[in-house]
Amino acid sequence: MIARRVYFTGRVQGVGFRYSTKEIAKGFDVIGWVKNLEDGRVEMLVKGDEEEVDCFIEDITEQSHLANFIRAVDVETTSAGLLDGVRGFVIER
């Protein structure tokens, strides 16, 4: 299991980005959360098998309708323990 923290930059707030990300997550065996940041970016923390996580991120950034809103994506590997106790994929407020 791995975890990745992803920051999406662009027109990613006010366009249903978080809701759509949650819907896309249903097609993958991942857990985590997505939330808006005050600086206009969207942050996502996701955990699962490496291939599953990477395919999920790729689907968001290249395959889905969300790709049109994304200007930059920053991905970093982080501690999988950050998602201990999280069930499913949720929208954080």
N, C-alpha and C. Protein backbone atom coordinates (compact mmCIF):
# COMPACT_ATOMS: atom_id res chain seq x y z
N MET A 1 0.84 -1.19 0.00
CA MET A 1 0.00 0.00 0.00
C MET A 1 0.88 1.25 0.00
N ILE A 2 0.45 2.20 -0.81
CA ILE A 2 1.14 3.48 -0.85
C ILE A 2 0.10 4.60 -0.70
N ALA A 3 0.60 5.78 -0.40
CA ALA A 3 -0.26 6.96 -0.34
C ALA A 3 0.39 8.07 -1.14
N ARG A 4 -0.45 8.83 -1.81
CA ARG A 4 0.03 9.98 -2.57
C ARG A 4 -0.80 11.20 -2.19
N ARG A 5 -0.09 12.31 -2.02
CA ARG A 5 -0.75 13.61 -1.82
C ARG A 5 -0.65 14.33 -3.16
N VAL A 6 -1.79 14.82 -3.64
CA VAL A 6 -1.85 15.44 -4.96
C VAL A 6 -2.45 16.84 -4.82
N TYR A 7 -1.80 17.80 -5.47
CA TYR A 7 -2.33 19.16 -5.53
C TYR A 7 -2.68 19.47 -6.97
N PHE A 8 -3.93 19.86 -7.20
CA PHE A 8 -4.41 20.23 -8.52
C PHE A 8 -4.52 21.75 -8.59
N THR A 9 -3.95 22.34 -9.62
CA THR A 9 -4.00 23.78 -9.83
C THR A 9 -4.72 24.04 -11.15
N GLY A 10 -5.44 25.13 -11.17
CA GLY A 10 -6.17 25.52 -12.37
C GLY A 10 -7.54 26.02 -11.97
N ARG A 11 -8.52 25.82 -12.83
CA ARG A 11 -9.90 26.19 -12.50
C ARG A 11 -10.55 24.95 -11.88
N VAL A 12 -10.14 24.67 -10.64
CA VAL A 12 -10.53 23.41 -10.00
C VAL A 12 -11.50 23.61 -8.83
N GLN A 13 -11.91 24.83 -8.59
CA GLN A 13 -12.93 25.07 -7.58
C GLN A 13 -14.15 25.70 -8.25
N GLY A 14 -15.33 25.31 -7.77
CA GLY A 14 -16.56 25.85 -8.32
C GLY A 14 -17.00 25.17 -9.61
N VAL A 15 -16.40 24.02 -9.93
CA VAL A 15 -16.75 23.32 -11.17
C VAL A 15 -17.13 21.86 -10.91
N GLY A 16 -17.35 21.51 -9.64
CA GLY A 16 -17.72 20.13 -9.29
C GLY A 16 -16.53 19.18 -9.25
N PHE A 17 -15.34 19.72 -9.11
CA PHE A 17 -14.12 18.92 -9.14
C PHE A 17 -14.10 17.86 -8.02
N ARG A 18 -14.40 18.27 -6.81
CA ARG A 18 -14.36 17.32 -5.68
C ARG A 18 -15.41 16.24 -5.85
N TYR A 19 -16.62 16.61 -6.21
CA TYR A 19 -17.68 15.63 -6.38
C TYR A 19 -17.32 14.65 -7.50
N SER A 20 -16.82 15.16 -8.61
CA SER A 20 -16.45 14.29 -9.72
C SER A 20 -15.30 13.36 -9.34
N THR A 21 -14.35 13.87 -8.58
CA THR A 21 -13.24 13.03 -8.11
C THR A 21 -13.76 11.89 -7.24
N LYS A 22 -14.71 12.21 -6.38
CA LYS A 22 -15.31 11.17 -5.53
C LYS A 22 -16.01 10.12 -6.39
N GLU A 23 -16.70 10.53 -7.42
CA GLU A 23 -17.38 9.59 -8.31
C GLU A 23 -16.38 8.71 -9.07
N ILE A 24 -15.30 9.31 -9.54
CA ILE A 24 -14.27 8.54 -10.24
C ILE A 24 -13.65 7.51 -9.30
N ALA A 25 -13.49 7.86 -8.04
CA ALA A 25 -12.88 6.96 -7.05
C ALA A 25 -13.68 5.67 -6.90
N LYS A 26 -14.98 5.72 -7.18
CA LYS A 26 -15.81 4.52 -7.06
C LYS A 26 -15.35 3.41 -8.01
N GLY A 27 -14.65 3.77 -9.05
CA GLY A 27 -14.17 2.79 -10.01
C GLY A 27 -12.81 2.21 -9.68
N PHE A 28 -12.26 2.61 -8.53
CA PHE A 28 -10.93 2.17 -8.14
C PHE A 28 -10.95 1.66 -6.70
N ASP A 29 -10.02 0.80 -6.38
CA ASP A 29 -9.89 0.27 -5.03
C ASP A 29 -8.95 1.17 -4.23
N VAL A 30 -9.45 2.36 -3.89
CA VAL A 30 -8.66 3.36 -3.16
C VAL A 30 -9.50 3.93 -2.02
N ILE A 31 -8.80 4.50 -1.06
CA ILE A 31 -9.45 5.27 0.00
C ILE A 31 -8.77 6.63 0.06
N GLY A 32 -9.46 7.59 0.65
CA GLY A 32 -8.85 8.90 0.81
C GLY A 32 -9.86 10.01 0.89
N TRP A 33 -9.37 11.21 0.60
CA TRP A 33 -10.23 12.39 0.64
C TRP A 33 -9.74 13.44 -0.36
N VAL A 34 -10.62 14.39 -0.64
CA VAL A 34 -10.32 15.51 -1.52
C VAL A 34 -10.93 16.75 -0.88
N LYS A 35 -10.21 17.89 -0.97
CA LYS A 35 -10.74 19.12 -0.37
C LYS A 35 -10.21 20.35 -1.09
N ASN A 36 -10.99 21.44 -1.00
CA ASN A 36 -10.56 22.73 -1.52
C ASN A 36 -9.57 23.36 -0.55
N LEU A 37 -8.60 24.08 -1.10
CA LEU A 37 -7.67 24.86 -0.29
C LEU A 37 -7.97 26.34 -0.47
N GLU A 38 -7.60 27.13 0.52
CA GLU A 38 -7.88 28.56 0.47
C GLU A 38 -7.18 29.27 -0.68
N ASP A 39 -6.07 28.70 -1.17
CA ASP A 39 -5.32 29.35 -2.25
C ASP A 39 -5.87 29.03 -3.64
N GLY A 40 -7.01 28.31 -3.72
CA GLY A 40 -7.65 28.02 -4.99
C GLY A 40 -7.31 26.66 -5.56
N ARG A 41 -6.38 25.96 -4.95
CA ARG A 41 -6.05 24.60 -5.40
C ARG A 41 -6.97 23.59 -4.74
N VAL A 42 -6.91 22.35 -5.23
CA VAL A 42 -7.60 21.23 -4.62
C VAL A 42 -6.53 20.24 -4.18
N GLU A 43 -6.66 19.75 -2.94
CA GLU A 43 -5.73 18.76 -2.40
C GLU A 43 -6.43 17.42 -2.29
N MET A 44 -5.71 16.35 -2.64
CA MET A 44 -6.24 15.01 -2.52
C MET A 44 -5.20 14.13 -1.83
N LEU A 45 -5.65 13.29 -0.93
CA LEU A 45 -4.80 12.28 -0.31
C LEU A 45 -5.45 10.94 -0.60
N VAL A 46 -4.70 10.04 -1.22
CA VAL A 46 -5.27 8.77 -1.68
C VAL A 46 -4.32 7.63 -1.34
N LYS A 47 -4.90 6.48 -0.97
CA LYS A 47 -4.12 5.31 -0.57
C LYS A 47 -4.67 4.07 -1.24
N GLY A 48 -3.77 3.16 -1.62
CA GLY A 48 -4.15 1.89 -2.22
C GLY A 48 -2.92 1.22 -2.79
N ASP A 49 -3.11 0.18 -3.56
CA ASP A 49 -1.99 -0.44 -4.27
C ASP A 49 -1.44 0.58 -5.26
N GLU A 50 -0.13 0.56 -5.45
CA GLU A 50 0.52 1.58 -6.27
C GLU A 50 -0.10 1.72 -7.66
N GLU A 51 -0.33 0.62 -8.34
CA GLU A 51 -0.90 0.69 -9.68
C GLU A 51 -2.31 1.28 -9.67
N GLU A 52 -3.09 0.91 -8.68
CA GLU A 52 -4.46 1.41 -8.57
C GLU A 52 -4.47 2.92 -8.31
N VAL A 53 -3.62 3.37 -7.40
CA VAL A 53 -3.53 4.80 -7.07
C VAL A 53 -3.07 5.59 -8.30
N ASP A 54 -2.04 5.10 -8.96
CA ASP A 54 -1.53 5.82 -10.12
C ASP A 54 -2.54 5.87 -11.27
N CYS A 55 -3.27 4.78 -11.48
CA CYS A 55 -4.32 4.77 -12.51
C CYS A 55 -5.46 5.73 -12.16
N PHE A 56 -5.81 5.81 -10.89
CA PHE A 56 -6.84 6.74 -10.42
C PHE A 56 -6.42 8.18 -10.71
N ILE A 57 -5.19 8.53 -10.35
CA ILE A 57 -4.69 9.88 -10.59
C ILE A 57 -4.66 10.17 -12.09
N GLU A 58 -4.20 9.20 -12.88
CA GLU A 58 -4.15 9.37 -14.33
C GLU A 58 -5.55 9.57 -14.91
N ASP A 59 -6.51 8.84 -14.39
CA ASP A 59 -7.88 8.99 -14.88
C ASP A 59 -8.40 10.40 -14.63
N ILE A 60 -8.11 10.93 -13.46
CA ILE A 60 -8.54 12.30 -13.14
C ILE A 60 -7.86 13.30 -14.07
N THR A 61 -6.56 13.15 -14.25
CA THR A 61 -5.78 14.17 -14.96
C THR A 61 -5.77 14.04 -16.47
N GLU A 62 -6.09 12.85 -17.00
CA GLU A 62 -5.98 12.68 -18.45
C GLU A 62 -7.24 12.17 -19.13
N GLN A 63 -8.02 11.37 -18.44
CA GLN A 63 -9.14 10.70 -19.09
C GLN A 63 -10.49 11.35 -18.83
N SER A 64 -10.68 11.92 -17.68
CA SER A 64 -12.00 12.43 -17.31
C SER A 64 -12.22 13.84 -17.84
N HIS A 65 -13.44 14.31 -17.72
CA HIS A 65 -13.77 15.69 -18.11
C HIS A 65 -13.05 16.70 -17.22
N LEU A 66 -12.54 16.28 -16.07
CA LEU A 66 -11.83 17.18 -15.16
C LEU A 66 -10.52 17.68 -15.76
N ALA A 67 -9.95 16.91 -16.67
CA ALA A 67 -8.66 17.28 -17.27
C ALA A 67 -8.70 18.68 -17.88
N ASN A 68 -9.86 19.10 -18.36
CA ASN A 68 -9.99 20.42 -18.98
C ASN A 68 -9.80 21.56 -17.98
N PHE A 69 -9.96 21.30 -16.70
CA PHE A 69 -9.86 22.34 -15.67
C PHE A 69 -8.49 22.39 -15.01
N ILE A 70 -7.67 21.38 -15.23
CA ILE A 70 -6.39 21.26 -14.53
C ILE A 70 -5.28 21.91 -15.34
N ARG A 71 -4.52 22.80 -14.68
CA ARG A 71 -3.37 23.43 -15.30
C ARG A 71 -2.06 22.77 -14.86
N ALA A 72 -2.01 22.31 -13.59
CA ALA A 72 -0.80 21.66 -13.07
C ALA A 72 -1.20 20.64 -12.01
N VAL A 73 -0.39 19.59 -11.91
CA VAL A 73 -0.60 18.53 -10.92
C VAL A 73 0.72 18.27 -10.24
N ASP A 74 0.73 18.37 -8.93
CA ASP A 74 1.92 18.05 -8.13
C ASP A 74 1.59 16.83 -7.31
N VAL A 75 2.39 15.77 -7.47
CA VAL A 75 2.16 14.50 -6.78
C VAL A 75 3.37 14.18 -5.93
N GLU A 76 3.12 13.81 -4.67
CA GLU A 76 4.21 13.38 -3.81
C GLU A 76 3.78 12.13 -3.04
N THR A 77 4.72 11.24 -2.83
CA THR A 77 4.45 10.05 -2.02
C THR A 77 4.52 10.46 -0.57
N THR A 78 3.60 9.95 0.23
CA THR A 78 3.53 10.31 1.64
C THR A 78 3.24 9.06 2.47
N SER A 79 3.11 9.24 3.75
CA SER A 79 2.87 8.11 4.66
C SER A 79 1.45 7.57 4.51
N ALA A 80 1.34 6.27 4.29
CA ALA A 80 0.03 5.63 4.20
C ALA A 80 -0.72 5.72 5.52
N GLY A 81 0.02 5.87 6.62
CA GLY A 81 -0.60 5.98 7.94
C GLY A 81 -1.47 7.22 8.11
N LEU A 82 -1.29 8.20 7.25
CA LEU A 82 -2.12 9.41 7.32
C LEU A 82 -3.59 9.12 7.07
N LEU A 83 -3.86 7.98 6.45
CA LEU A 83 -5.24 7.63 6.13
C LEU A 83 -5.77 6.50 7.00
N ASP A 84 -5.07 6.18 8.08
CA ASP A 84 -5.57 5.18 9.01
C ASP A 84 -6.93 5.63 9.54
N GLY A 85 -7.89 4.75 9.51
CA GLY A 85 -9.22 5.06 10.01
C GLY A 85 -10.16 5.64 8.96
N VAL A 86 -9.64 6.03 7.81
CA VAL A 86 -10.49 6.56 6.74
C VAL A 86 -11.12 5.39 6.00
N ARG A 87 -12.41 5.50 5.75
CA ARG A 87 -13.13 4.47 5.01
C ARG A 87 -13.69 5.10 3.75
N GLY A 88 -13.45 4.44 2.63
CA GLY A 88 -13.97 4.96 1.37
C GLY A 88 -13.21 6.19 0.91
N PHE A 89 -13.85 6.93 0.03
CA PHE A 89 -13.27 8.16 -0.50
C PHE A 89 -14.27 9.28 -0.24
N VAL A 90 -13.87 10.32 0.46
CA VAL A 90 -14.79 11.34 0.93
C VAL A 90 -14.36 12.74 0.53
N ILE A 91 -15.30 13.64 0.58
CA ILE A 91 -15.02 15.07 0.39
C ILE A 91 -14.84 15.70 1.77
N GLU A 92 -13.68 16.29 1.99
CA GLU A 92 -13.39 16.98 3.24
C GLU A 92 -13.86 18.44 3.10
N ARG A 93 -14.28 18.98 4.17
CA ARG A 93 -14.69 20.40 4.17
C ARG A 93 -13.63 21.27 4.74
